[in-house]
Amino acid sequence: MIEVAALAILVLLAWAAVSAVFVVIKLLLWVVLLPLRLVFYALMLPLLALKALIGGVVMLALLPVFAIAGLAAGVALLAAVVVPLLPVALLLVVVWVVVRLSRAAAAPTSA
């Protein structure tokens, strides 16, 4: 049983050593490649600004289309909700008319 525990500890120590090596390699790569990343980002910044400008112009051009599509979707949603309720509304109107006609007429009051 002690051999199994010793083997488990040995595996954990090997895992820690491999992890430490990978951490050192990652740190070295990060330190070496950081200046290259900064130069790359500095060169890409004007292109990102141009992308944002073009995207803004395209969105301004498509804004009326999206507004009309949104209104059409709203009308379609309203119709999808109201049309199934029309029979219920018609039934309520008929009941209201029947109740109103079945009431006795109120006597006119003289002032």
C-alpha atoms as a PDB file:
ATOM      1  CA  MET A   1       0.000   0.000   0.000  1.00  0.00           C
ATOM      2  CA  ILE A   2       2.906   2.306   0.717  1.00  0.00           C
ATOM      3  CA  GLU A   3       4.169   1.730  -2.816  1.00  0.00           C
ATOM      4  CA  VAL A   4       0.921   3.096  -4.255  1.00  0.00           C
ATOM      5  CA  ALA A   5       1.175   6.231  -2.108  1.00  0.00           C
ATOM      6  CA  ALA A   6       4.819   6.691  -3.107  1.00  0.00           C
ATOM      7  CA  LEU A   7       3.889   6.262  -6.761  1.00  0.00           C
ATOM      8  CA  ALA A   8       1.098   8.848  -6.399  1.00  0.00           C
ATOM      9  CA  ILE A   9       3.502  11.317  -4.792  1.00  0.00           C
ATOM     10  CA  LEU A  10       6.041  10.680  -7.550  1.00  0.00           C
ATOM     11  CA  VAL A  11       3.405  11.346 -10.211  1.00  0.00           C
ATOM     12  CA  LEU A  12       2.374  14.584  -8.481  1.00  0.00           C
ATOM     13  CA  LEU A  13       6.008  15.717  -8.273  1.00  0.00           C
ATOM     14  CA  ALA A  14       6.536  14.961 -11.956  1.00  0.00           C
ATOM     15  CA  TRP A  15       3.339  16.847 -12.781  1.00  0.00           C
ATOM     16  CA  ALA A  16       4.542  19.837 -10.752  1.00  0.00           C
ATOM     17  CA  ALA A  17       7.928  19.780 -12.521  1.00  0.00           C
ATOM     18  CA  VAL A  18       6.328  19.674 -15.970  1.00  0.00           C
ATOM     19  CA  SER A  19       3.925  22.460 -15.004  1.00  0.00           C
ATOM     20  CA  ALA A  20       6.813  24.581 -13.719  1.00  0.00           C
ATOM     21  CA  VAL A  21       8.680  24.108 -17.003  1.00  0.00           C
ATOM     22  CA  PHE A  22       5.592  25.164 -18.975  1.00  0.00           C
ATOM     23  CA  VAL A  23       5.138  28.231 -16.766  1.00  0.00           C
ATOM     24  CA  VAL A  24       8.757  29.273 -17.345  1.00  0.00           C
ATOM     25  CA  ILE A  25       8.412  28.764 -21.115  1.00  0.00           C
ATOM     26  CA  LYS A  26       5.188  30.770 -21.154  1.00  0.00           C
ATOM     27  CA  LEU A  27       6.810  33.589 -19.174  1.00  0.00           C
ATOM     28  CA  LEU A  28       9.817  33.697 -21.522  1.00  0.00           C
ATOM     29  CA  LEU A  29       7.603  33.737 -24.608  1.00  0.00           C
ATOM     30  CA  TRP A  30       5.442  36.462 -23.106  1.00  0.00           C
ATOM     31  CA  VAL A  31       8.453  38.652 -22.301  1.00  0.00           C
ATOM     32  CA  VAL A  32      10.048  38.088 -25.713  1.00  0.00           C
ATOM     33  CA  LEU A  33       6.874  38.562 -27.740  1.00  0.00           C
ATOM     34  CA  LEU A  34       5.458  41.523 -25.787  1.00  0.00           C
ATOM     35  CA  PRO A  35       7.323  44.179 -27.829  1.00  0.00           C
ATOM     36  CA  LEU A  36       6.186  42.515 -31.043  1.00  0.00           C
ATOM     37  CA  ARG A  37       2.595  42.506 -29.816  1.00  0.00           C
ATOM     38  CA  LEU A  38       2.799  46.187 -28.895  1.00  0.00           C
ATOM     39  CA  VAL A  39       4.198  47.100 -32.326  1.00  0.00           C
ATOM     40  CA  PHE A  40       1.500  45.017 -34.012  1.00  0.00           C
ATOM     41  CA  TYR A  41      -1.254  46.727 -32.016  1.00  0.00           C
ATOM     42  CA  ALA A  42       0.224  50.147 -32.790  1.00  0.00           C
ATOM     43  CA  LEU A  43       0.215  49.328 -36.506  1.00  0.00           C
ATOM     44  CA  MET A  44      -3.316  47.934 -36.384  1.00  0.00           C
ATOM     45  CA  LEU A  45      -4.836  50.906 -34.536  1.00  0.00           C
ATOM     46  CA  PRO A  46      -5.434  53.050 -37.667  1.00  0.00           C
ATOM     47  CA  LEU A  47      -7.042  50.085 -39.403  1.00  0.00           C
ATOM     48  CA  LEU A  48      -9.327  49.502 -36.426  1.00  0.00           C
ATOM     49  CA  ALA A  49     -10.323  53.173 -36.479  1.00  0.00           C
ATOM     50  CA  LEU A  50     -11.056  52.904 -40.198  1.00  0.00           C
ATOM     51  CA  LYS A  51     -13.129  49.787 -39.560  1.00  0.00           C
ATOM     52  CA  ALA A  52     -15.139  51.614 -36.892  1.00  0.00           C
ATOM     53  CA  LEU A  53     -15.701  54.579 -39.226  1.00  0.00           C
ATOM     54  CA  ILE A  54     -16.871  52.376 -42.095  1.00  0.00           C
ATOM     55  CA  GLY A  55     -19.107  50.396 -39.746  1.00  0.00           C
ATOM     56  CA  GLY A  56     -20.685  53.595 -38.453  1.00  0.00           C
ATOM     57  CA  VAL A  57     -21.383  54.870 -41.972  1.00  0.00           C
ATOM     58  CA  VAL A  58     -22.901  51.537 -42.980  1.00  0.00           C
ATOM     59  CA  MET A  59     -25.096  51.500 -39.870  1.00  0.00           C
ATOM     60  CA  LEU A  60     -26.289  55.035 -40.604  1.00  0.00           C
ATOM     61  CA  ALA A  61     -27.152  53.951 -44.132  1.00  0.00           C
ATOM     62  CA  LEU A  62     -29.028  50.857 -42.934  1.00  0.00           C
ATOM     63  CA  LEU A  63     -30.823  52.554 -40.042  1.00  0.00           C
ATOM     64  CA  PRO A  64     -33.989  53.369 -42.062  1.00  0.00           C
ATOM     65  CA  VAL A  65     -34.156  49.795 -43.341  1.00  0.00           C
ATOM     66  CA  PHE A  66     -33.870  48.432 -39.811  1.00  0.00           C
ATOM     67  CA  ALA A  67     -36.492  50.910 -38.570  1.00  0.00           C
ATOM     68  CA  ILE A  68     -38.981  49.847 -41.248  1.00  0.00           C
ATOM     69  CA  ALA A  69     -38.245  46.173 -40.542  1.00  0.00           C
ATOM     70  CA  GLY A  70     -38.806  46.783 -36.825  1.00  0.00           C
ATOM     71  CA  LEU A  71     -42.142  48.491 -37.478  1.00  0.00           C
ATOM     72  CA  ALA A  72     -43.214  45.635 -39.759  1.00  0.00           C
ATOM     73  CA  ALA A  73     -42.238  43.109 -37.099  1.00  0.00           C
ATOM     74  CA  GLY A  74     -44.222  45.068 -34.497  1.00  0.00           C
ATOM     75  CA  VAL A  75     -47.302  45.144 -36.709  1.00  0.00           C
ATOM     76  CA  ALA A  76     -46.953  41.413 -37.383  1.00  0.00           C
ATOM     77  CA  LEU A  77     -46.616  40.695 -33.670  1.00  0.00           C
ATOM     78  CA  LEU A  78     -49.637  42.848 -32.872  1.00  0.00           C
ATOM     79  CA  ALA A  79     -51.677  41.080 -35.551  1.00  0.00           C
ATOM     80  CA  ALA A  80     -50.556  37.680 -34.273  1.00  0.00           C
ATOM     81  CA  VAL A  81     -51.789  38.577 -30.799  1.00  0.00           C
ATOM     82  CA  VAL A  82     -55.007  40.435 -31.730  1.00  0.00           C
ATOM     83  CA  VAL A  83     -56.416  38.225 -34.495  1.00  0.00           C
ATOM     84  CA  PRO A  84     -56.941  35.133 -32.287  1.00  0.00           C
ATOM     85  CA  LEU A  85     -58.699  37.359 -29.727  1.00  0.00           C
ATOM     86  CA  LEU A  86     -61.222  38.793 -32.209  1.00  0.00           C
ATOM     87  CA  PRO A  87     -63.887  36.079 -31.591  1.00  0.00           C
ATOM     88  CA  VAL A  88     -63.675  36.714 -27.860  1.00  0.00           C
ATOM     89  CA  ALA A  89     -64.000  40.469 -28.429  1.00  0.00           C
ATOM     90  CA  LEU A  90     -67.013  39.919 -30.716  1.00  0.00           C
ATOM     91  CA  LEU A  91     -68.655  37.717 -28.078  1.00  0.00           C
ATOM     92  CA  LEU A  92     -68.063  40.362 -25.410  1.00  0.00           C
ATOM     93  CA  VAL A  93     -69.613  43.054 -27.626  1.00  0.00           C
ATOM     94  CA  VAL A  94     -72.698  40.874 -28.234  1.00  0.00           C
ATOM     95  CA  VAL A  95     -73.077  40.237 -24.490  1.00  0.00           C
ATOM     96  CA  TRP A  96     -72.683  43.961 -23.791  1.00  0.00           C
ATOM     97  CA  VAL A  97     -75.378  44.839 -26.358  1.00  0.00           C
ATOM     98  CA  VAL A  98     -77.775  42.209 -24.984  1.00  0.00           C
ATOM     99  CA  VAL A  99     -77.275  43.402 -21.397  1.00  0.00           C
ATOM    100  CA  ARG A 100     -77.698  47.024 -22.415  1.00  0.00           C
ATOM    101  CA  LEU A 101     -80.917  46.360 -24.366  1.00  0.00           C
ATOM    102  CA  SER A 102     -82.385  44.188 -21.596  1.00  0.00           C
ATOM    103  CA  ARG A 103     -82.173  46.937 -18.974  1.00  0.00           C
ATOM    104  CA  ALA A 104     -85.261  48.966 -18.247  1.00  0.00           C
ATOM    105  CA  ALA A 105     -85.141  52.464 -19.575  1.00  0.00           C
ATOM    106  CA  ALA A 106     -84.410  54.990 -16.906  1.00  0.00           C
ATOM    107  CA  ALA A 107     -87.174  57.490 -16.213  1.00  0.00           C
ATOM    108  CA  PRO A 108     -86.309  60.988 -17.363  1.00  0.00           C
ATOM    109  CA  THR A 109     -85.788  63.397 -14.519  1.00  0.00           C
ATOM    110  CA  SER A 110     -86.984  66.912 -14.645  1.00  0.00           C
ATOM    111  CA  ALA A 111     -84.921  69.607 -13.145  1.00  0.00           C
END
